[in-house]
Amino acid sequence: MHYEGPIYRPPSEADSLLIQATVGCPHNKCTFCMVYKKGPPFKVRPVEDIKADMDEAAKIYGGLVRTLFFPAGNTIAMPTDQLAGICEYAWKIFPKLQRITVYGSSKYIHEKGLKDLVRLRQSGLTRIHVGLESGDDEVLRRIKKGATAFEQIEAGVWVKEAGIELSEYVMLGIGGRERSLEHAMETARVLNEIDPQFIRFRTFLPKINTLLLHQIRKGRFQVLSAHEVLREWEIIMENLEVSSEIHSDHYTNYINISGKMPQDRERMVARIREALTWDESRFRPVYVGTE
């Protein structure tokens, strides 16, 4: 099997077979992301090469493959017929397959439209992981996400209407101190409009080779303390009116919460409030380095 450039997958895909379908990210402008900044540039692998890798995996793993993830950073941007074709092929050669998943940003989901999403669901695509990050238009503009809150809502609704599971990722602290409240309230609003099957929380950490780290060092962005992040998280949770599963399955988070909304809300919020009583020294420091 063949891999080129950075290969990332969500924690929930830890047991999935990884077959690379695309290389890099076609957007590659988000100010907080360092994954694809040094290349290689975005491209779609030839379908025959992707199928050849699946053939090799089938020989090695056979009936063990139950979940399949197609990296890299924005595979939903792949031409619909090609992505549908490799999904259909996967269901043919892996007899115990239960799920096929890709990364996809709202920008490229929105460009696909509902008709193409339905085509992808019919071909066997079952879940999309989407980096929502924020529901605040000003934050989205500043981090160069490439989509507005309205487009994120529409894209999310279309994914669900197509019958594809939707896993939305929220980045705590990405609005900085200046936009923390707006980020929290607008993110809750957008998630309420979408009501995805899964909401997964991440906490912003500065990364090397990113514009946002440069802005931090120049004093243009103030990173939240642990308690400020937790308060932002509390506000989001208090304002969510969804039926989603909540997860915080990532090393960046100060605490772990998980549960089903709305029935587990109070338990999860109580966990956040408990952490707010802890001394700040209990949490890892945020390191931003120097020029």
C-alpha atoms as a PDB file:
ATOM      1  CA  MET A   1       0.000   0.000   0.000  1.00  0.00           C
ATOM      2  CA  HIS A   2       1.180   3.512  -0.754  1.00  0.00           C
ATOM      3  CA  TYR A   3       1.077   6.706   1.311  1.00  0.00           C
ATOM      4  CA  GLU A   4       2.250  10.220   0.471  1.00  0.00           C
ATOM      5  CA  GLY A   5       2.495  13.247   2.746  1.00  0.00           C
ATOM      6  CA  PRO A   6       0.945  13.516   6.221  1.00  0.00           C
ATOM      7  CA  ILE A   7      -1.639  10.865   7.068  1.00  0.00           C
ATOM      8  CA  TYR A   8      -4.057  11.823   9.860  1.00  0.00           C
ATOM      9  CA  ARG A   9      -7.205  10.119  11.042  1.00  0.00           C
ATOM     10  CA  PRO A  10      -9.725  10.860  13.820  1.00  0.00           C
ATOM     11  CA  PRO A  11      -9.327   8.964  17.103  1.00  0.00           C
ATOM     12  CA  SER A  12     -12.632   7.233  16.383  1.00  0.00           C
ATOM     13  CA  GLU A  13     -11.018   5.700  13.279  1.00  0.00           C
ATOM     14  CA  ALA A  14      -8.201   4.080  15.295  1.00  0.00           C
ATOM     15  CA  ASP A  15      -9.224   0.585  14.204  1.00  0.00           C
ATOM     16  CA  SER A  16      -9.999   1.519  10.603  1.00  0.00           C
ATOM     17  CA  LEU A  17      -8.090   0.455   7.523  1.00  0.00           C
ATOM     18  CA  LEU A  18      -6.440   3.559   6.024  1.00  0.00           C
ATOM     19  CA  ILE A  19      -6.384   3.669   2.224  1.00  0.00           C
ATOM     20  CA  GLN A  20      -5.153   6.987   0.873  1.00  0.00           C
ATOM     21  CA  ALA A  21      -7.510   8.490  -1.722  1.00  0.00           C
ATOM     22  CA  THR A  22      -6.227  12.076  -1.844  1.00  0.00           C
ATOM     23  CA  VAL A  23      -2.982  13.832  -0.970  1.00  0.00           C
ATOM     24  CA  GLY A  24      -2.846  17.070   1.020  1.00  0.00           C
ATOM     25  CA  CYS A  25      -5.688  19.564   1.461  1.00  0.00           C
ATOM     26  CA  PRO A  26      -7.251  21.622  -1.367  1.00  0.00           C
ATOM     27  CA  HIS A  27      -7.987  24.560   0.972  1.00  0.00           C
ATOM     28  CA  ASN A  28      -4.843  24.578   3.114  1.00  0.00           C
ATOM     29  CA  LYS A  29      -5.404  28.137   4.395  1.00  0.00           C
ATOM     30  CA  CYS A  30      -6.658  27.633   7.959  1.00  0.00           C
ATOM     31  CA  THR A  31      -4.516  29.783  10.225  1.00  0.00           C
ATOM     32  CA  PHE A  32      -4.381  27.204  13.040  1.00  0.00           C
ATOM     33  CA  CYS A  33      -3.426  24.149  10.943  1.00  0.00           C
ATOM     34  CA  MET A  34       0.150  23.085  10.235  1.00  0.00           C
ATOM     35  CA  VAL A  35      -0.533  19.622   8.828  1.00  0.00           C
ATOM     36  CA  TYR A  36      -0.288  20.304   5.094  1.00  0.00           C
ATOM     37  CA  LYS A  37       1.429  23.698   4.980  1.00  0.00           C
ATOM     38  CA  LYS A  38       4.730  22.276   3.682  1.00  0.00           C
ATOM     39  CA  GLY A  39       3.098  20.101   1.067  1.00  0.00           C
ATOM     40  CA  PRO A  40       2.754  18.067  -0.940  1.00  0.00           C
ATOM     41  CA  PRO A  41       0.028  19.958  -2.836  1.00  0.00           C
ATOM     42  CA  PHE A  42      -3.464  18.563  -3.082  1.00  0.00           C
ATOM     43  CA  LYS A  43      -4.122  15.896  -5.661  1.00  0.00           C
ATOM     44  CA  VAL A  44      -6.472  12.973  -6.183  1.00  0.00           C
ATOM     45  CA  ARG A  45      -4.782   9.600  -6.489  1.00  0.00           C
ATOM     46  CA  PRO A  46      -5.653   7.590  -9.602  1.00  0.00           C
ATOM     47  CA  VAL A  47      -8.640   5.367  -8.907  1.00  0.00           C
ATOM     48  CA  GLU A  48      -6.815   2.284 -10.183  1.00  0.00           C
ATOM     49  CA  ASP A  49      -3.997   2.921  -7.673  1.00  0.00           C
ATOM     50  CA  ILE A  50      -6.510   3.249  -4.838  1.00  0.00           C
ATOM     51  CA  LYS A  51      -8.203   0.013  -5.876  1.00  0.00           C
ATOM     52  CA  ALA A  52      -4.832  -1.736  -6.094  1.00  0.00           C
ATOM     53  CA  ASP A  53      -4.106  -0.727  -2.492  1.00  0.00           C
ATOM     54  CA  MET A  54      -7.491  -2.074  -1.438  1.00  0.00           C
ATOM     55  CA  ASP A  55      -6.757  -5.327  -3.258  1.00  0.00           C
ATOM     56  CA  GLU A  56      -3.476  -5.659  -1.362  1.00  0.00           C
ATOM     57  CA  ALA A  57      -5.202  -4.905   1.947  1.00  0.00           C
ATOM     58  CA  ALA A  58      -7.875  -7.486   1.189  1.00  0.00           C
ATOM     59  CA  LYS A  59      -5.174 -10.148   0.697  1.00  0.00           C
ATOM     60  CA  ILE A  60      -3.506  -9.241   4.000  1.00  0.00           C
ATOM     61  CA  TYR A  61      -6.500  -8.544   6.232  1.00  0.00           C
ATOM     62  CA  GLY A  62      -9.348 -10.252   4.393  1.00  0.00           C
ATOM     63  CA  GLY A  63     -12.455 -10.451   6.538  1.00  0.00           C
ATOM     64  CA  LEU A  64     -10.960  -8.452   9.420  1.00  0.00           C
ATOM     65  CA  VAL A  65     -11.777  -5.071   7.866  1.00  0.00           C
ATOM     66  CA  ARG A  66     -14.944  -3.616   9.363  1.00  0.00           C
ATOM     67  CA  THR A  67     -14.271   0.122   9.026  1.00  0.00           C
ATOM     68  CA  LEU A  68     -12.417   1.975   6.272  1.00  0.00           C
ATOM     69  CA  PHE A  69     -11.122   5.544   6.295  1.00  0.00           C
ATOM     70  CA  PHE A  70      -9.965   7.314   3.123  1.00  0.00           C
ATOM     71  CA  PRO A  71      -7.321   9.981   3.973  1.00  0.00           C
ATOM     72  CA  ALA A  72      -6.041  12.660   3.432  1.00  0.00           C
ATOM     73  CA  GLY A  73      -7.251  16.063   4.633  1.00  0.00           C
ATOM     74  CA  ASN A  74     -10.353  16.730   2.548  1.00  0.00           C
ATOM     75  CA  THR A  75     -11.243  13.632   0.568  1.00  0.00           C
ATOM     76  CA  ILE A  76     -14.820  14.862   0.088  1.00  0.00           C
ATOM     77  CA  ALA A  77     -13.305  17.233  -2.511  1.00  0.00           C
ATOM     78  CA  MET A  78     -12.589  14.212  -4.725  1.00  0.00           C
ATOM     79  CA  PRO A  79     -14.755  14.129  -7.876  1.00  0.00           C
ATOM     80  CA  THR A  80     -18.020  12.498  -6.904  1.00  0.00           C
ATOM     81  CA  ASP A  81     -17.942   9.688  -9.469  1.00  0.00           C
ATOM     82  CA  GLN A  82     -14.421   8.711  -8.421  1.00  0.00           C
ATOM     83  CA  LEU A  83     -15.186   8.766  -4.692  1.00  0.00           C
ATOM     84  CA  ALA A  84     -18.397   6.822  -5.302  1.00  0.00           C
ATOM     85  CA  GLY A  85     -16.462   4.311  -7.371  1.00  0.00           C
ATOM     86  CA  ILE A  86     -13.911   3.497  -4.665  1.00  0.00           C
ATOM     87  CA  CYS A  87     -16.671   3.255  -2.041  1.00  0.00           C
ATOM     88  CA  GLU A  88     -18.592   0.768  -4.173  1.00  0.00           C
ATOM     89  CA  TYR A  89     -15.408  -1.233  -4.777  1.00  0.00           C
ATOM     90  CA  ALA A  90     -14.632  -1.376  -1.067  1.00  0.00           C
ATOM     91  CA  TRP A  91     -18.024  -2.880  -0.255  1.00  0.00           C
ATOM     92  CA  LYS A  92     -17.385  -5.568  -2.895  1.00  0.00           C
ATOM     93  CA  ILE A  93     -13.988  -6.749  -1.652  1.00  0.00           C
ATOM     94  CA  PHE A  94     -14.299  -6.427   2.139  1.00  0.00           C
ATOM     95  CA  PRO A  95     -17.043  -8.887   3.149  1.00  0.00           C
ATOM     96  CA  LYS A  96     -17.452  -7.663   6.742  1.00  0.00           C
ATOM     97  CA  LEU A  97     -17.253  -3.921   6.021  1.00  0.00           C
ATOM     98  CA  GLN A  98     -19.630  -1.824   8.128  1.00  0.00           C
ATOM     99  CA  ARG A  99     -18.518   1.784   7.631  1.00  0.00           C
ATOM    100  CA  ILE A 100     -16.654   4.034   5.157  1.00  0.00           C
ATOM    101  CA  THR A 101     -15.557   7.448   6.371  1.00  0.00           C
ATOM    102  CA  VAL A 102     -13.780  10.553   5.042  1.00  0.00           C
ATOM    103  CA  TYR A 103     -12.721  13.992   6.193  1.00  0.00           C
ATOM    104  CA  GLY A 104     -14.650  16.802   4.544  1.00  0.00           C
ATOM    105  CA  SER A 105     -14.863  20.519   5.246  1.00  0.00           C
ATOM    106  CA  SER A 106     -18.141  22.405   4.943  1.00  0.00           C
ATOM    107  CA  LYS A 107     -16.719  24.376   2.017  1.00  0.00           C
ATOM    108  CA  TYR A 108     -16.361  21.297  -0.183  1.00  0.00           C
ATOM    109  CA  ILE A 109     -19.493  19.587   1.108  1.00  0.00           C
ATOM    110  CA  HIS A 110     -21.413  22.732   0.169  1.00  0.00           C
ATOM    111  CA  GLU A 111     -19.873  22.704  -3.311  1.00  0.00           C
ATOM    112  CA  LYS A 112     -20.974  19.076  -3.716  1.00  0.00           C
ATOM    113  CA  GLY A 113     -24.613  19.819  -2.959  1.00  0.00           C
ATOM    114  CA  LEU A 114     -27.357  17.475  -1.822  1.00  0.00           C
ATOM    115  CA  LYS A 115     -27.605  15.536  -5.092  1.00  0.00           C
ATOM    116  CA  ASP A 116     -23.950  14.447  -5.027  1.00  0.00           C
ATOM    117  CA  LEU A 117     -24.146  13.630  -1.322  1.00  0.00           C
ATOM    118  CA  VAL A 118     -27.080  11.326  -2.001  1.00  0.00           C
ATOM    119  CA  ARG A 119     -25.024   9.681  -4.755  1.00  0.00           C
ATOM    120  CA  LEU A 120     -22.188   9.137  -2.292  1.00  0.00           C
ATOM    121  CA  ARG A 121     -24.509   7.630   0.295  1.00  0.00           C
ATOM    122  CA  GLN A 122     -25.914   5.272  -2.312  1.00  0.00           C
ATOM    123  CA  SER A 123     -22.347   4.221  -3.144  1.00  0.00           C
ATOM    124  CA  GLY A 124     -21.691   3.342   0.491  1.00  0.00           C
ATOM    125  CA  LEU A 125     -20.137   6.426   2.123  1.00  0.00           C
ATOM    126  CA  THR A 126     -21.520   6.305   5.659  1.00  0.00           C
ATOM    127  CA  ARG A 127     -19.834   9.054   7.717  1.00  0.00           C
ATOM    128  CA  ILE A 128     -18.101  12.419   7.226  1.00  0.00           C
ATOM    129  CA  HIS A 129     -15.865  14.081   9.815  1.00  0.00           C
ATOM    130  CA  VAL A 130     -16.224  17.878   9.531  1.00  0.00           C
ATOM    131  CA  GLY A 131     -14.098  20.535  11.186  1.00  0.00           C
ATOM    132  CA  LEU A 132     -16.796  23.040  12.119  1.00  0.00           C
ATOM    133  CA  GLU A 133     -14.357  24.778  14.536  1.00  0.00           C
ATOM    134  CA  SER A 134     -16.735  27.704  15.198  1.00  0.00           C
ATOM    135  CA  GLY A 135     -20.190  28.991  14.382  1.00  0.00           C
ATOM    136  CA  ASP A 136     -19.133  32.642  14.660  1.00  0.00           C
ATOM    137  CA  ASP A 137     -18.701  34.268  11.253  1.00  0.00           C
ATOM    138  CA  GLU A 138     -16.024  36.659  12.515  1.00  0.00           C
ATOM    139  CA  VAL A 139     -13.971  33.802  13.954  1.00  0.00           C
ATOM    140  CA  LEU A 140     -14.428  31.813  10.744  1.00  0.00           C
ATOM    141  CA  ARG A 141     -13.195  34.794   8.741  1.00  0.00           C
ATOM    142  CA  ARG A 142     -10.176  35.317  10.968  1.00  0.00           C
ATOM    143  CA  ILE A 143      -9.086  31.677  10.870  1.00  0.00           C
ATOM    144  CA  LYS A 144      -9.662  31.536   7.087  1.00  0.00           C
ATOM    145  CA  LYS A 145     -11.933  28.526   7.318  1.00  0.00           C
ATOM    146  CA  GLY A 146     -13.427  29.084   3.885  1.00  0.00           C
ATOM    147  CA  ALA A 147     -17.106  28.840   4.850  1.00  0.00           C
ATOM    148  CA  THR A 148     -19.669  30.994   6.599  1.00  0.00           C
ATOM    149  CA  ALA A 149     -21.877  29.843   9.468  1.00  0.00           C
ATOM    150  CA  PHE A 150     -24.829  29.636   7.058  1.00  0.00           C
ATOM    151  CA  GLU A 151     -22.847  27.465   4.651  1.00  0.00           C
ATOM    152  CA  GLN A 152     -21.788  25.218   7.520  1.00  0.00           C
ATOM    153  CA  ILE A 153     -25.410  24.810   8.586  1.00  0.00           C
ATOM    154  CA  GLU A 154     -26.579  24.091   5.047  1.00  0.00           C
ATOM    155  CA  ALA A 155     -23.752  21.635   4.404  1.00  0.00           C
ATOM    156  CA  GLY A 156     -24.462  19.802   7.660  1.00  0.00           C
ATOM    157  CA  VAL A 157     -28.182  19.600   6.998  1.00  0.00           C
ATOM    158  CA  TRP A 158     -27.528  18.233   3.497  1.00  0.00           C
ATOM    159  CA  VAL A 159     -25.211  15.524   4.847  1.00  0.00           C
ATOM    160  CA  LYS A 160     -27.926  14.364   7.227  1.00  0.00           C
ATOM    161  CA  GLU A 161     -30.644  14.592   4.576  1.00  0.00           C
ATOM    162  CA  ALA A 162     -28.501  12.392   2.334  1.00  0.00           C
ATOM    163  CA  GLY A 163     -28.456   9.751   5.066  1.00  0.00           C
ATOM    164  CA  ILE A 164     -24.754  10.116   5.913  1.00  0.00           C
ATOM    165  CA  GLU A 165     -23.652  10.269   9.549  1.00  0.00           C
ATOM    166  CA  LEU A 166     -22.139  13.603  10.526  1.00  0.00           C
ATOM    167  CA  SER A 167     -19.377  14.130  13.066  1.00  0.00           C
ATOM    168  CA  GLU A 168     -18.783  17.850  13.746  1.00  0.00           C
ATOM    169  CA  TYR A 169     -15.614  19.071  15.469  1.00  0.00           C
ATOM    170  CA  VAL A 170     -15.622  22.168  17.686  1.00  0.00           C
ATOM    171  CA  MET A 171     -12.372  23.922  18.598  1.00  0.00           C
ATOM    172  CA  LEU A 172     -12.534  25.434  22.078  1.00  0.00           C
ATOM    173  CA  GLY A 173     -10.583  28.672  22.409  1.00  0.00           C
ATOM    174  CA  ILE A 174     -10.228  29.359  18.674  1.00  0.00           C
ATOM    175  CA  GLY A 175     -11.883  32.764  19.098  1.00  0.00           C
ATOM    176  CA  GLY A 176      -9.270  33.869  21.611  1.00  0.00           C
ATOM    177  CA  ARG A 177     -10.214  36.058  24.559  1.00  0.00           C
ATOM    178  CA  GLU A 178     -11.726  38.714  22.312  1.00  0.00           C
ATOM    179  CA  ARG A 179     -14.363  36.449  20.721  1.00  0.00           C
ATOM    180  CA  SER A 180     -14.785  33.747  23.368  1.00  0.00           C
ATOM    181  CA  LEU A 181     -18.414  34.488  24.233  1.00  0.00           C
ATOM    182  CA  GLU A 182     -19.461  35.045  20.611  1.00  0.00           C
ATOM    183  CA  HIS A 183     -17.658  31.858  19.603  1.00  0.00           C
ATOM    184  CA  ALA A 184     -19.454  29.867  22.306  1.00  0.00           C
ATOM    185  CA  MET A 185     -22.939  31.226  21.665  1.00  0.00           C
ATOM    186  CA  GLU A 186     -22.773  31.100  17.872  1.00  0.00           C
ATOM    187  CA  THR A 187     -21.239  27.636  17.865  1.00  0.00           C
ATOM    188  CA  ALA A 188     -24.097  26.347  20.009  1.00  0.00           C
ATOM    189  CA  ARG A 189     -26.589  28.034  17.671  1.00  0.00           C
ATOM    190  CA  VAL A 190     -25.092  26.478  14.538  1.00  0.00           C
ATOM    191  CA  LEU A 191     -24.917  23.025  16.124  1.00  0.00           C
ATOM    192  CA  ASN A 192     -28.562  23.358  17.162  1.00  0.00           C
ATOM    193  CA  GLU A 193     -29.486  24.077  13.533  1.00  0.00           C
ATOM    194  CA  ILE A 194     -27.554  21.044  12.277  1.00  0.00           C
ATOM    195  CA  ASP A 195     -28.133  18.553  15.128  1.00  0.00           C
ATOM    196  CA  PRO A 196     -25.334  16.216  13.979  1.00  0.00           C
ATOM    197  CA  GLN A 197     -25.065  12.632  15.161  1.00  0.00           C
ATOM    198  CA  PHE A 198     -21.737  13.409  16.853  1.00  0.00           C
ATOM    199  CA  ILE A 199     -20.151  16.545  18.340  1.00  0.00           C
ATOM    200  CA  ARG A 200     -16.470  16.225  19.191  1.00  0.00           C
ATOM    201  CA  PHE A 201     -14.565  18.865  21.148  1.00  0.00           C
ATOM    202  CA  ARG A 202     -10.948  19.863  20.671  1.00  0.00           C
ATOM    203  CA  THR A 203      -9.001  22.606  22.486  1.00  0.00           C
ATOM    204  CA  PHE A 204      -6.904  25.021  20.464  1.00  0.00           C
ATOM    205  CA  LEU A 205      -3.162  24.609  20.917  1.00  0.00           C
ATOM    206  CA  PRO A 206      -0.708  26.781  18.966  1.00  0.00           C
ATOM    207  CA  LYS A 207       1.143  24.858  16.270  1.00  0.00           C
ATOM    208  CA  ILE A 208       4.452  25.561  14.580  1.00  0.00           C
ATOM    209  CA  ASN A 209       4.480  26.966  11.040  1.00  0.00           C
ATOM    210  CA  THR A 210       1.035  28.564  11.375  1.00  0.00           C
ATOM    211  CA  LEU A 211      -0.183  32.109  10.877  1.00  0.00           C
ATOM    212  CA  LEU A 212      -2.070  31.967  14.162  1.00  0.00           C
ATOM    213  CA  LEU A 213       1.111  31.236  16.120  1.00  0.00           C
ATOM    214  CA  HIS A 214       2.686  34.288  14.484  1.00  0.00           C
ATOM    215  CA  GLN A 215      -0.340  36.363  15.522  1.00  0.00           C
ATOM    216  CA  ILE A 216      -0.021  35.100  19.099  1.00  0.00           C
ATOM    217  CA  ARG A 217       3.642  36.046  19.266  1.00  0.00           C
ATOM    218  CA  LYS A 218       2.817  39.525  17.943  1.00  0.00           C
ATOM    219  CA  GLY A 219       0.118  39.977  20.601  1.00  0.00           C
ATOM    220  CA  ARG A 220      -2.764  39.941  18.110  1.00  0.00           C
ATOM    221  CA  PHE A 221      -4.412  36.832  19.585  1.00  0.00           C
ATOM    222  CA  GLN A 222      -4.705  35.978  23.284  1.00  0.00           C
ATOM    223  CA  VAL A 223      -4.775  32.268  24.109  1.00  0.00           C
ATOM    224  CA  LEU A 224      -7.346  31.262  26.722  1.00  0.00           C
ATOM    225  CA  SER A 225      -6.285  29.888  30.096  1.00  0.00           C
ATOM    226  CA  ALA A 226      -7.544  26.472  31.181  1.00  0.00           C
ATOM    227  CA  HIS A 227     -10.360  28.006  33.228  1.00  0.00           C
ATOM    228  CA  GLU A 228     -11.366  30.292  30.356  1.00  0.00           C
ATOM    229  CA  VAL A 229     -11.546  27.303  28.012  1.00  0.00           C
ATOM    230  CA  LEU A 230     -13.676  25.409  30.517  1.00  0.00           C
ATOM    231  CA  ARG A 231     -16.044  28.366  30.937  1.00  0.00           C
ATOM    232  CA  GLU A 232     -16.418  28.591  27.154  1.00  0.00           C
ATOM    233  CA  TRP A 233     -17.160  24.872  27.037  1.00  0.00           C
ATOM    234  CA  GLU A 234     -19.734  25.263  29.815  1.00  0.00           C
ATOM    235  CA  ILE A 235     -21.546  27.979  27.857  1.00  0.00           C
ATOM    236  CA  ILE A 236     -21.675  25.842  24.716  1.00  0.00           C
ATOM    237  CA  MET A 237     -23.004  22.844  26.620  1.00  0.00           C
ATOM    238  CA  GLU A 238     -25.623  24.911  28.453  1.00  0.00           C
ATOM    239  CA  ASN A 239     -26.959  26.272  25.158  1.00  0.00           C
ATOM    240  CA  LEU A 240     -26.989  23.084  23.115  1.00  0.00           C
ATOM    241  CA  GLU A 241     -30.429  21.809  22.106  1.00  0.00           C
ATOM    242  CA  VAL A 242     -29.424  18.718  20.140  1.00  0.00           C
ATOM    243  CA  SER A 243     -29.820  14.944  20.157  1.00  0.00           C
ATOM    244  CA  SER A 244     -26.122  14.386  19.456  1.00  0.00           C
ATOM    245  CA  GLU A 245     -23.535  12.180  21.090  1.00  0.00           C
ATOM    246  CA  ILE A 246     -20.873  14.318  22.796  1.00  0.00           C
ATOM    247  CA  HIS A 247     -17.218  13.267  22.834  1.00  0.00           C
ATOM    248  CA  SER A 248     -13.958  14.945  23.851  1.00  0.00           C
ATOM    249  CA  ASP A 249     -11.672  12.185  22.608  1.00  0.00           C
ATOM    250  CA  HIS A 250      -8.495  14.192  22.081  1.00  0.00           C
ATOM    251  CA  TYR A 251      -5.248  14.891  23.906  1.00  0.00           C
ATOM    252  CA  THR A 252      -5.744  18.664  23.692  1.00  0.00           C
ATOM    253  CA  ASN A 253      -8.689  18.713  26.093  1.00  0.00           C
ATOM    254  CA  TYR A 254      -8.277  19.493  29.794  1.00  0.00           C
ATOM    255  CA  ILE A 255     -10.907  16.928  30.819  1.00  0.00           C
ATOM    256  CA  ASN A 256     -12.883  14.162  29.183  1.00  0.00           C
ATOM    257  CA  ILE A 257     -16.646  14.270  28.903  1.00  0.00           C
ATOM    258  CA  SER A 258     -18.942  12.047  26.893  1.00  0.00           C
ATOM    259  CA  GLY A 259     -22.633  11.364  26.797  1.00  0.00           C
ATOM    260  CA  LYS A 260     -25.886  11.654  24.899  1.00  0.00           C
ATOM    261  CA  MET A 261     -27.802  14.887  24.657  1.00  0.00           C
ATOM    262  CA  PRO A 262     -30.020  16.007  26.224  1.00  0.00           C
ATOM    263  CA  GLN A 263     -30.240  13.348  28.920  1.00  0.00           C
ATOM    264  CA  ASP A 264     -26.570  13.490  29.949  1.00  0.00           C
ATOM    265  CA  ARG A 265     -26.177  17.266  29.795  1.00  0.00           C
ATOM    266  CA  GLU A 266     -26.274  17.898  33.535  1.00  0.00           C
ATOM    267  CA  ARG A 267     -23.714  15.197  34.247  1.00  0.00           C
ATOM    268  CA  MET A 268     -21.329  16.576  31.616  1.00  0.00           C
ATOM    269  CA  VAL A 269     -21.786  20.189  32.696  1.00  0.00           C
ATOM    270  CA  ALA A 270     -21.211  19.149  36.313  1.00  0.00           C
ATOM    271  CA  ARG A 271     -17.909  17.601  35.259  1.00  0.00           C
ATOM    272  CA  ILE A 272     -16.848  20.884  33.635  1.00  0.00           C
ATOM    273  CA  ARG A 273     -17.879  22.865  36.723  1.00  0.00           C
ATOM    274  CA  GLU A 274     -15.916  20.493  38.937  1.00  0.00           C
ATOM    275  CA  ALA A 275     -12.796  21.135  36.821  1.00  0.00           C
ATOM    276  CA  LEU A 276     -13.360  24.875  37.195  1.00  0.00           C
ATOM    277  CA  THR A 277     -12.775  24.468  40.938  1.00  0.00           C
ATOM    278  CA  TRP A 278      -9.312  23.008  40.392  1.00  0.00           C
ATOM    279  CA  ASP A 279      -6.247  25.196  40.666  1.00  0.00           C
ATOM    280  CA  GLU A 280      -4.867  26.327  37.292  1.00  0.00           C
ATOM    281  CA  SER A 281      -1.528  24.708  38.150  1.00  0.00           C
ATOM    282  CA  ARG A 282      -3.213  21.322  37.767  1.00  0.00           C
ATOM    283  CA  PHE A 283      -3.536  21.889  34.018  1.00  0.00           C
ATOM    284  CA  ARG A 284      -0.807  21.765  31.393  1.00  0.00           C
ATOM    285  CA  PRO A 285       0.589  25.175  30.396  1.00  0.00           C
ATOM    286  CA  VAL A 286       0.041  26.518  26.875  1.00  0.00           C
ATOM    287  CA  TYR A 287       3.433  26.918  25.221  1.00  0.00           C
ATOM    288  CA  VAL A 288       3.655  29.391  22.351  1.00  0.00           C
ATOM    289  CA  GLY A 289       7.441  29.648  22.001  1.00  0.00           C
ATOM    290  CA  THR A 290       9.387  32.635  20.811  1.00  0.00           C
ATOM    291  CA  GLU A 291      10.443  34.025  17.463  1.00  0.00           C
END
